[in-house]
């Protein structure tokens, strides 16, 4: 069961620490986007973040760790626990459409940095393993808990939970790659994707007794 977590107020020291970490990640995103992962240096990131080189290592072990931190932030994985807790107050379909919309919007906003970082994830075995353990596995576990809970409550029919979660994740990754490849229909109608994807997930492709003319579900003539 997905349970809410208490969040005590942050101390001034902790707030400053988080602000500095965010500044470092912002600088890394800029340098990686402009120079690529391999050409970027810790020195350049530190200069842009206005911190000493050694300060970065207080937050991130190396450039790989910085990359994983960026990808995790782009996917808002740290907010997922809160989102899943809040989702108990509304229907499963509404939750999925909102979650899809938020994450697809983040993909659109961060498209340039994703183009710079994803090739490294694909070709570097160590990085793939770390990314899977620190991000993918954590996200998968939370979504599995949420889906299983909804099934037990009778809000979603029984399905193979591990495979269902991975198929949903794979669709989102596939959408990202097709967008990066420059697919015009997907790029021009990106804002419709969350609703179409949610409808496919919950209603499938079977015909309805009455035609569904909600916007975005049928291609424009």
C-alpha atoms as a PDB file:
ATOM      1  CA  UNK A   1       0.000   0.000   0.000  1.00  0.00           C
ATOM      2  CA  UNK A   2       1.198   3.476  -0.838  1.00  0.00           C
ATOM      3  CA  UNK A   3       1.338   5.385   2.431  1.00  0.00           C
ATOM      4  CA  UNK A   4       1.821   9.110   2.958  1.00  0.00           C
ATOM      5  CA  UNK A   5       5.106  10.225   4.419  1.00  0.00           C
ATOM      6  CA  UNK A   6       5.415  13.036   6.933  1.00  0.00           C
ATOM      7  CA  UNK A   7       7.603  15.918   5.787  1.00  0.00           C
ATOM      8  CA  UNK A   8       8.877  18.023   8.706  1.00  0.00           C
ATOM      9  CA  UNK A   9       9.905  21.614   7.921  1.00  0.00           C
ATOM     10  CA  UNK A  10      13.419  21.929   6.561  1.00  0.00           C
ATOM     11  CA  UNK A  11      16.091  23.686   8.570  1.00  0.00           C
ATOM     12  CA  UNK A  12      17.850  26.696   7.059  1.00  0.00           C
ATOM     13  CA  UNK A  13      20.959  24.579   6.535  1.00  0.00           C
ATOM     14  CA  UNK A  14      18.966  21.920   4.686  1.00  0.00           C
ATOM     15  CA  UNK A  15      17.247  24.527   2.515  1.00  0.00           C
ATOM     16  CA  UNK A  16      20.599  25.999   1.518  1.00  0.00           C
ATOM     17  CA  UNK A  17      21.929  22.535   0.778  1.00  0.00           C
ATOM     18  CA  UNK A  18      19.006  21.775  -1.535  1.00  0.00           C
ATOM     19  CA  UNK A  19      19.314  25.132  -3.255  1.00  0.00           C
ATOM     20  CA  UNK A  20      23.003  24.479  -3.930  1.00  0.00           C
ATOM     21  CA  UNK A  21      22.246  20.997  -5.258  1.00  0.00           C
ATOM     22  CA  UNK A  22      19.606  22.445  -7.604  1.00  0.00           C
ATOM     23  CA  UNK A  23      22.095  25.050  -8.813  1.00  0.00           C
ATOM     24  CA  UNK A  24      24.633  22.342  -9.573  1.00  0.00           C
ATOM     25  CA  UNK A  25      22.057  20.298 -11.502  1.00  0.00           C
ATOM     26  CA  UNK A  26      20.976  23.363 -13.469  1.00  0.00           C
ATOM     27  CA  UNK A  27      24.585  24.058 -14.383  1.00  0.00           C
ATOM     28  CA  UNK A  28      25.163  20.432 -15.368  1.00  0.00           C
ATOM     29  CA  UNK A  29      22.081  20.498 -17.604  1.00  0.00           C
ATOM     30  CA  UNK A  30      23.404  23.587 -19.403  1.00  0.00           C
ATOM     31  CA  UNK A  31      26.947  22.285 -19.855  1.00  0.00           C
ATOM     32  CA  UNK A  32      25.840  18.800 -20.935  1.00  0.00           C
ATOM     33  CA  UNK A  33      23.408  20.311 -23.470  1.00  0.00           C
ATOM     34  CA  UNK A  34      26.046  22.624 -24.948  1.00  0.00           C
ATOM     35  CA  UNK A  35      29.101  20.338 -24.937  1.00  0.00           C
ATOM     36  CA  UNK A  36      27.769  16.791 -24.633  1.00  0.00           C
ATOM     37  CA  UNK A  37      28.355  14.422 -21.739  1.00  0.00           C
ATOM     38  CA  UNK A  38      31.909  13.371 -22.581  1.00  0.00           C
ATOM     39  CA  UNK A  39      33.247  16.841 -23.377  1.00  0.00           C
ATOM     40  CA  UNK A  40      31.731  18.436 -20.268  1.00  0.00           C
ATOM     41  CA  UNK A  41      33.979  18.781 -17.206  1.00  0.00           C
ATOM     42  CA  UNK A  42      33.304  19.098 -13.498  1.00  0.00           C
ATOM     43  CA  UNK A  43      35.297  22.354 -13.541  1.00  0.00           C
ATOM     44  CA  UNK A  44      32.953  23.905 -16.128  1.00  0.00           C
ATOM     45  CA  UNK A  45      29.890  22.808 -14.175  1.00  0.00           C
ATOM     46  CA  UNK A  46      31.344  24.165 -10.929  1.00  0.00           C
ATOM     47  CA  UNK A  47      32.186  27.511 -12.542  1.00  0.00           C
ATOM     48  CA  UNK A  48      28.668  27.905 -13.913  1.00  0.00           C
ATOM     49  CA  UNK A  49      27.123  26.894 -10.580  1.00  0.00           C
ATOM     50  CA  UNK A  50      29.474  29.299  -8.767  1.00  0.00           C
ATOM     51  CA  UNK A  51      30.816  26.624  -6.423  1.00  0.00           C
ATOM     52  CA  UNK A  52      34.221  25.052  -5.861  1.00  0.00           C
ATOM     53  CA  UNK A  53      35.025  21.866  -7.789  1.00  0.00           C
ATOM     54  CA  UNK A  54      35.154  19.908  -4.547  1.00  0.00           C
ATOM     55  CA  UNK A  55      31.699  21.099  -3.507  1.00  0.00           C
ATOM     56  CA  UNK A  56      30.131  19.118  -6.348  1.00  0.00           C
ATOM     57  CA  UNK A  57      31.592  15.907  -4.919  1.00  0.00           C
ATOM     58  CA  UNK A  58      29.737  16.573  -1.668  1.00  0.00           C
ATOM     59  CA  UNK A  59      26.544  16.020  -3.634  1.00  0.00           C
ATOM     60  CA  UNK A  60      27.448  13.770  -6.556  1.00  0.00           C
ATOM     61  CA  UNK A  61      30.114  11.069  -6.778  1.00  0.00           C
ATOM     62  CA  UNK A  62      31.017  11.777 -10.422  1.00  0.00           C
ATOM     63  CA  UNK A  63      29.610  12.881 -13.781  1.00  0.00           C
ATOM     64  CA  UNK A  64      27.594   9.676 -14.031  1.00  0.00           C
ATOM     65  CA  UNK A  65      25.943  10.486 -10.725  1.00  0.00           C
ATOM     66  CA  UNK A  66      25.168  13.987 -11.985  1.00  0.00           C
ATOM     67  CA  UNK A  67      23.574  12.518 -15.087  1.00  0.00           C
ATOM     68  CA  UNK A  68      21.360  10.200 -13.034  1.00  0.00           C
ATOM     69  CA  UNK A  69      20.398  13.100 -10.794  1.00  0.00           C
ATOM     70  CA  UNK A  70      19.334  15.093 -13.845  1.00  0.00           C
ATOM     71  CA  UNK A  71      17.272  12.280 -15.333  1.00  0.00           C
ATOM     72  CA  UNK A  72      15.582  11.605 -12.002  1.00  0.00           C
ATOM     73  CA  UNK A  73      14.727  15.275 -11.600  1.00  0.00           C
ATOM     74  CA  UNK A  74      13.362  15.500 -15.129  1.00  0.00           C
ATOM     75  CA  UNK A  75      11.038  12.589 -14.417  1.00  0.00           C
ATOM     76  CA  UNK A  76      10.047  14.138 -11.052  1.00  0.00           C
ATOM     77  CA  UNK A  77      10.566  10.782  -9.382  1.00  0.00           C
ATOM     78  CA  UNK A  78      10.849  12.449  -5.969  1.00  0.00           C
ATOM     79  CA  UNK A  79       7.295  13.760  -6.338  1.00  0.00           C
ATOM     80  CA  UNK A  80       5.771  10.434  -7.308  1.00  0.00           C
ATOM     81  CA  UNK A  81       5.233   9.252  -3.727  1.00  0.00           C
ATOM     82  CA  UNK A  82       3.203  12.378  -2.982  1.00  0.00           C
ATOM     83  CA  UNK A  83       1.293  12.085  -6.265  1.00  0.00           C
ATOM     84  CA  UNK A  84       0.372   8.471  -5.567  1.00  0.00           C
ATOM     85  CA  UNK A  85      -0.858   9.386  -2.097  1.00  0.00           C
ATOM     86  CA  UNK A  86      -3.011  12.194  -3.490  1.00  0.00           C
ATOM     87  CA  UNK A  87      -4.252   9.885  -6.246  1.00  0.00           C
ATOM     88  CA  UNK A  88      -6.196   7.861  -3.701  1.00  0.00           C
ATOM     89  CA  UNK A  89      -8.657  10.768  -3.582  1.00  0.00           C
ATOM     90  CA  UNK A  90      -9.599  10.526  -7.277  1.00  0.00           C
ATOM     91  CA  UNK A  91     -10.235   7.930  -9.930  1.00  0.00           C
ATOM     92  CA  UNK A  92      -7.463   5.820 -11.401  1.00  0.00           C
ATOM     93  CA  UNK A  93      -8.125   7.086 -14.938  1.00  0.00           C
ATOM     94  CA  UNK A  94      -7.862  10.721 -13.846  1.00  0.00           C
ATOM     95  CA  UNK A  95      -4.630   9.951 -12.013  1.00  0.00           C
ATOM     96  CA  UNK A  96      -3.010   8.301 -15.026  1.00  0.00           C
ATOM     97  CA  UNK A  97      -3.974  11.112 -17.391  1.00  0.00           C
ATOM     98  CA  UNK A  98      -2.575  13.710 -14.979  1.00  0.00           C
ATOM     99  CA  UNK A  99       0.630  11.700 -14.444  1.00  0.00           C
ATOM    100  CA  UNK A 100       1.105  11.200 -18.192  1.00  0.00           C
ATOM    101  CA  UNK A 101       0.524  14.899 -18.863  1.00  0.00           C
ATOM    102  CA  UNK A 102       3.008  16.045 -16.220  1.00  0.00           C
ATOM    103  CA  UNK A 103       5.775  13.748 -17.379  1.00  0.00           C
ATOM    104  CA  UNK A 104       5.244  14.310 -21.095  1.00  0.00           C
ATOM    105  CA  UNK A 105       5.348  18.054 -20.485  1.00  0.00           C
ATOM    106  CA  UNK A 106       8.669  17.582 -18.701  1.00  0.00           C
ATOM    107  CA  UNK A 107       9.966  15.626 -21.702  1.00  0.00           C
ATOM    108  CA  UNK A 108       9.016  18.474 -24.027  1.00  0.00           C
ATOM    109  CA  UNK A 109      10.646  21.086 -21.784  1.00  0.00           C
ATOM    110  CA  UNK A 110      13.846  19.060 -21.402  1.00  0.00           C
ATOM    111  CA  UNK A 111      14.125  17.658 -24.914  1.00  0.00           C
ATOM    112  CA  UNK A 112      17.559  19.165 -25.609  1.00  0.00           C
ATOM    113  CA  UNK A 113      19.177  17.845 -22.449  1.00  0.00           C
ATOM    114  CA  UNK A 114      17.598  14.404 -22.977  1.00  0.00           C
ATOM    115  CA  UNK A 115      19.098  14.230 -26.471  1.00  0.00           C
ATOM    116  CA  UNK A 116      22.503  14.905 -24.928  1.00  0.00           C
ATOM    117  CA  UNK A 117      22.199  12.386 -22.094  1.00  0.00           C
ATOM    118  CA  UNK A 118      20.254   9.380 -23.358  1.00  0.00           C
ATOM    119  CA  UNK A 119      22.913   8.122 -25.805  1.00  0.00           C
ATOM    120  CA  UNK A 120      25.314   7.766 -22.883  1.00  0.00           C
ATOM    121  CA  UNK A 121      22.747   5.767 -20.919  1.00  0.00           C
ATOM    122  CA  UNK A 122      22.325   3.400 -23.863  1.00  0.00           C
ATOM    123  CA  UNK A 123      25.994   2.671 -24.530  1.00  0.00           C
ATOM    124  CA  UNK A 124      27.449   2.680 -21.008  1.00  0.00           C
ATOM    125  CA  UNK A 125      26.747  -0.546 -19.129  1.00  0.00           C
ATOM    126  CA  UNK A 126      27.737   0.779 -15.708  1.00  0.00           C
ATOM    127  CA  UNK A 127      25.570   3.845 -16.163  1.00  0.00           C
ATOM    128  CA  UNK A 128      22.616   1.713 -17.324  1.00  0.00           C
ATOM    129  CA  UNK A 129      22.882  -0.400 -14.199  1.00  0.00           C
ATOM    130  CA  UNK A 130      23.094   2.601 -11.893  1.00  0.00           C
ATOM    131  CA  UNK A 131      20.243   4.357 -13.661  1.00  0.00           C
ATOM    132  CA  UNK A 132      18.089   1.257 -13.388  1.00  0.00           C
ATOM    133  CA  UNK A 133      18.833   0.737  -9.693  1.00  0.00           C
ATOM    134  CA  UNK A 134      18.527   4.365  -8.593  1.00  0.00           C
ATOM    135  CA  UNK A 135      15.649   5.484 -10.809  1.00  0.00           C
ATOM    136  CA  UNK A 136      13.824   2.832 -12.869  1.00  0.00           C
ATOM    137  CA  UNK A 137      13.588   0.236 -10.094  1.00  0.00           C
ATOM    138  CA  UNK A 138      12.342   2.803  -7.586  1.00  0.00           C
ATOM    139  CA  UNK A 139       9.727   4.178  -9.962  1.00  0.00           C
ATOM    140  CA  UNK A 140       8.588   0.691 -10.938  1.00  0.00           C
ATOM    141  CA  UNK A 141       8.141  -0.365  -7.318  1.00  0.00           C
ATOM    142  CA  UNK A 142       5.968   2.661  -6.488  1.00  0.00           C
ATOM    143  CA  UNK A 143       3.759   2.179  -9.545  1.00  0.00           C
ATOM    144  CA  UNK A 144       3.366  -1.531  -8.794  1.00  0.00           C
ATOM    145  CA  UNK A 145       2.203  -0.722  -5.255  1.00  0.00           C
ATOM    146  CA  UNK A 146      -0.311   1.813  -6.567  1.00  0.00           C
ATOM    147  CA  UNK A 147      -1.700  -0.494  -9.270  1.00  0.00           C
ATOM    148  CA  UNK A 148      -1.969  -3.468  -6.894  1.00  0.00           C
ATOM    149  CA  UNK A 149      -3.820  -1.346  -4.368  1.00  0.00           C
ATOM    150  CA  UNK A 150      -6.287  -0.141  -7.008  1.00  0.00           C
ATOM    151  CA  UNK A 151      -6.910  -3.740  -8.078  1.00  0.00           C
ATOM    152  CA  UNK A 152      -7.590  -4.804  -4.488  1.00  0.00           C
ATOM    153  CA  UNK A 153     -10.038  -1.909  -4.133  1.00  0.00           C
ATOM    154  CA  UNK A 154     -11.877  -3.027  -7.256  1.00  0.00           C
ATOM    155  CA  UNK A 155     -11.076   0.136  -9.223  1.00  0.00           C
ATOM    156  CA  UNK A 156      -9.011  -1.714 -11.864  1.00  0.00           C
ATOM    157  CA  UNK A 157      -9.563  -5.242 -13.135  1.00  0.00           C
ATOM    158  CA  UNK A 158      -6.954  -7.870 -12.212  1.00  0.00           C
ATOM    159  CA  UNK A 159      -3.904  -7.693 -14.489  1.00  0.00           C
ATOM    160  CA  UNK A 160      -0.307  -8.884 -14.439  1.00  0.00           C
ATOM    161  CA  UNK A 161       0.991  -5.955 -12.378  1.00  0.00           C
ATOM    162  CA  UNK A 162       4.773  -6.184 -13.060  1.00  0.00           C
ATOM    163  CA  UNK A 163       4.285  -6.475 -16.828  1.00  0.00           C
ATOM    164  CA  UNK A 164       1.572  -3.799 -16.965  1.00  0.00           C
ATOM    165  CA  UNK A 165       3.787  -1.262 -15.199  1.00  0.00           C
ATOM    166  CA  UNK A 166       6.733  -2.013 -17.472  1.00  0.00           C
ATOM    167  CA  UNK A 167       4.598  -1.749 -20.622  1.00  0.00           C
ATOM    168  CA  UNK A 168       3.358   1.690 -19.511  1.00  0.00           C
ATOM    169  CA  UNK A 169       6.930   2.817 -18.831  1.00  0.00           C
ATOM    170  CA  UNK A 170       8.056   1.469 -22.207  1.00  0.00           C
ATOM    171  CA  UNK A 171       5.331   3.400 -24.038  1.00  0.00           C
ATOM    172  CA  UNK A 172       6.512   6.662 -22.460  1.00  0.00           C
ATOM    173  CA  UNK A 173      10.131   5.917 -23.396  1.00  0.00           C
ATOM    174  CA  UNK A 174       9.053   5.049 -26.937  1.00  0.00           C
ATOM    175  CA  UNK A 175       7.135   8.322 -27.259  1.00  0.00           C
ATOM    176  CA  UNK A 176      10.267  10.187 -26.212  1.00  0.00           C
ATOM    177  CA  UNK A 177      12.407   8.511 -28.873  1.00  0.00           C
ATOM    178  CA  UNK A 178       9.849   9.018 -31.649  1.00  0.00           C
ATOM    179  CA  UNK A 179       9.610  12.704 -30.714  1.00  0.00           C
ATOM    180  CA  UNK A 180      13.398  13.071 -30.746  1.00  0.00           C
ATOM    181  CA  UNK A 181      13.456  11.465 -34.203  1.00  0.00           C
ATOM    182  CA  UNK A 182      11.312  14.351 -35.415  1.00  0.00           C
ATOM    183  CA  UNK A 183       7.952  12.664 -36.041  1.00  0.00           C
ATOM    184  CA  UNK A 184       5.707  15.544 -37.179  1.00  0.00           C
ATOM    185  CA  UNK A 185       2.249  14.189 -36.189  1.00  0.00           C
ATOM    186  CA  UNK A 186       3.484  13.350 -32.697  1.00  0.00           C
ATOM    187  CA  UNK A 187       5.306  16.644 -32.266  1.00  0.00           C
ATOM    188  CA  UNK A 188       2.434  18.801 -33.509  1.00  0.00           C
ATOM    189  CA  UNK A 189      -0.184  17.038 -31.376  1.00  0.00           C
ATOM    190  CA  UNK A 190       1.901  16.339 -28.291  1.00  0.00           C
ATOM    191  CA  UNK A 191      -0.671  17.978 -25.980  1.00  0.00           C
ATOM    192  CA  UNK A 192      -3.251  15.362 -26.988  1.00  0.00           C
ATOM    193  CA  UNK A 193      -1.059  12.371 -26.153  1.00  0.00           C
ATOM    194  CA  UNK A 194      -1.942  12.060 -22.417  1.00  0.00           C
ATOM    195  CA  UNK A 195      -5.673  11.800 -23.101  1.00  0.00           C
ATOM    196  CA  UNK A 196      -5.269   9.433 -26.045  1.00  0.00           C
ATOM    197  CA  UNK A 197      -2.851   7.243 -24.093  1.00  0.00           C
ATOM    198  CA  UNK A 198      -5.140   7.120 -21.039  1.00  0.00           C
ATOM    199  CA  UNK A 199      -8.145   6.241 -23.203  1.00  0.00           C
ATOM    200  CA  UNK A 200      -6.221   3.423 -24.881  1.00  0.00           C
ATOM    201  CA  UNK A 201      -5.112   2.138 -21.480  1.00  0.00           C
ATOM    202  CA  UNK A 202      -8.589   2.072 -19.953  1.00  0.00           C
ATOM    203  CA  UNK A 203     -10.902   1.565 -22.970  1.00  0.00           C
ATOM    204  CA  UNK A 204      -8.713  -0.188 -25.500  1.00  0.00           C
ATOM    205  CA  UNK A 205      -9.512  -0.194 -29.206  1.00  0.00           C
ATOM    206  CA  UNK A 206     -12.834  -2.024 -29.047  1.00  0.00           C
ATOM    207  CA  UNK A 207     -15.708  -0.066 -30.643  1.00  0.00           C
ATOM    208  CA  UNK A 208     -18.218   1.648 -28.369  1.00  0.00           C
ATOM    209  CA  UNK A 209     -21.963   1.401 -28.708  1.00  0.00           C
ATOM    210  CA  UNK A 210     -22.049   5.179 -29.093  1.00  0.00           C
ATOM    211  CA  UNK A 211     -19.412   7.141 -30.952  1.00  0.00           C
ATOM    212  CA  UNK A 212     -17.012   8.916 -28.613  1.00  0.00           C
ATOM    213  CA  UNK A 213     -16.342  12.375 -30.000  1.00  0.00           C
ATOM    214  CA  UNK A 214     -14.196  13.724 -27.163  1.00  0.00           C
ATOM    215  CA  UNK A 215     -11.489  16.036 -28.573  1.00  0.00           C
ATOM    216  CA  UNK A 216      -8.170  14.439 -29.301  1.00  0.00           C
ATOM    217  CA  UNK A 217      -9.434  10.867 -29.554  1.00  0.00           C
ATOM    218  CA  UNK A 218     -10.093  10.946 -33.294  1.00  0.00           C
ATOM    219  CA  UNK A 219      -7.639  12.309 -35.848  1.00  0.00           C
ATOM    220  CA  UNK A 220      -8.555  15.661 -37.292  1.00  0.00           C
ATOM    221  CA  UNK A 221     -10.075  15.456 -40.761  1.00  0.00           C
END
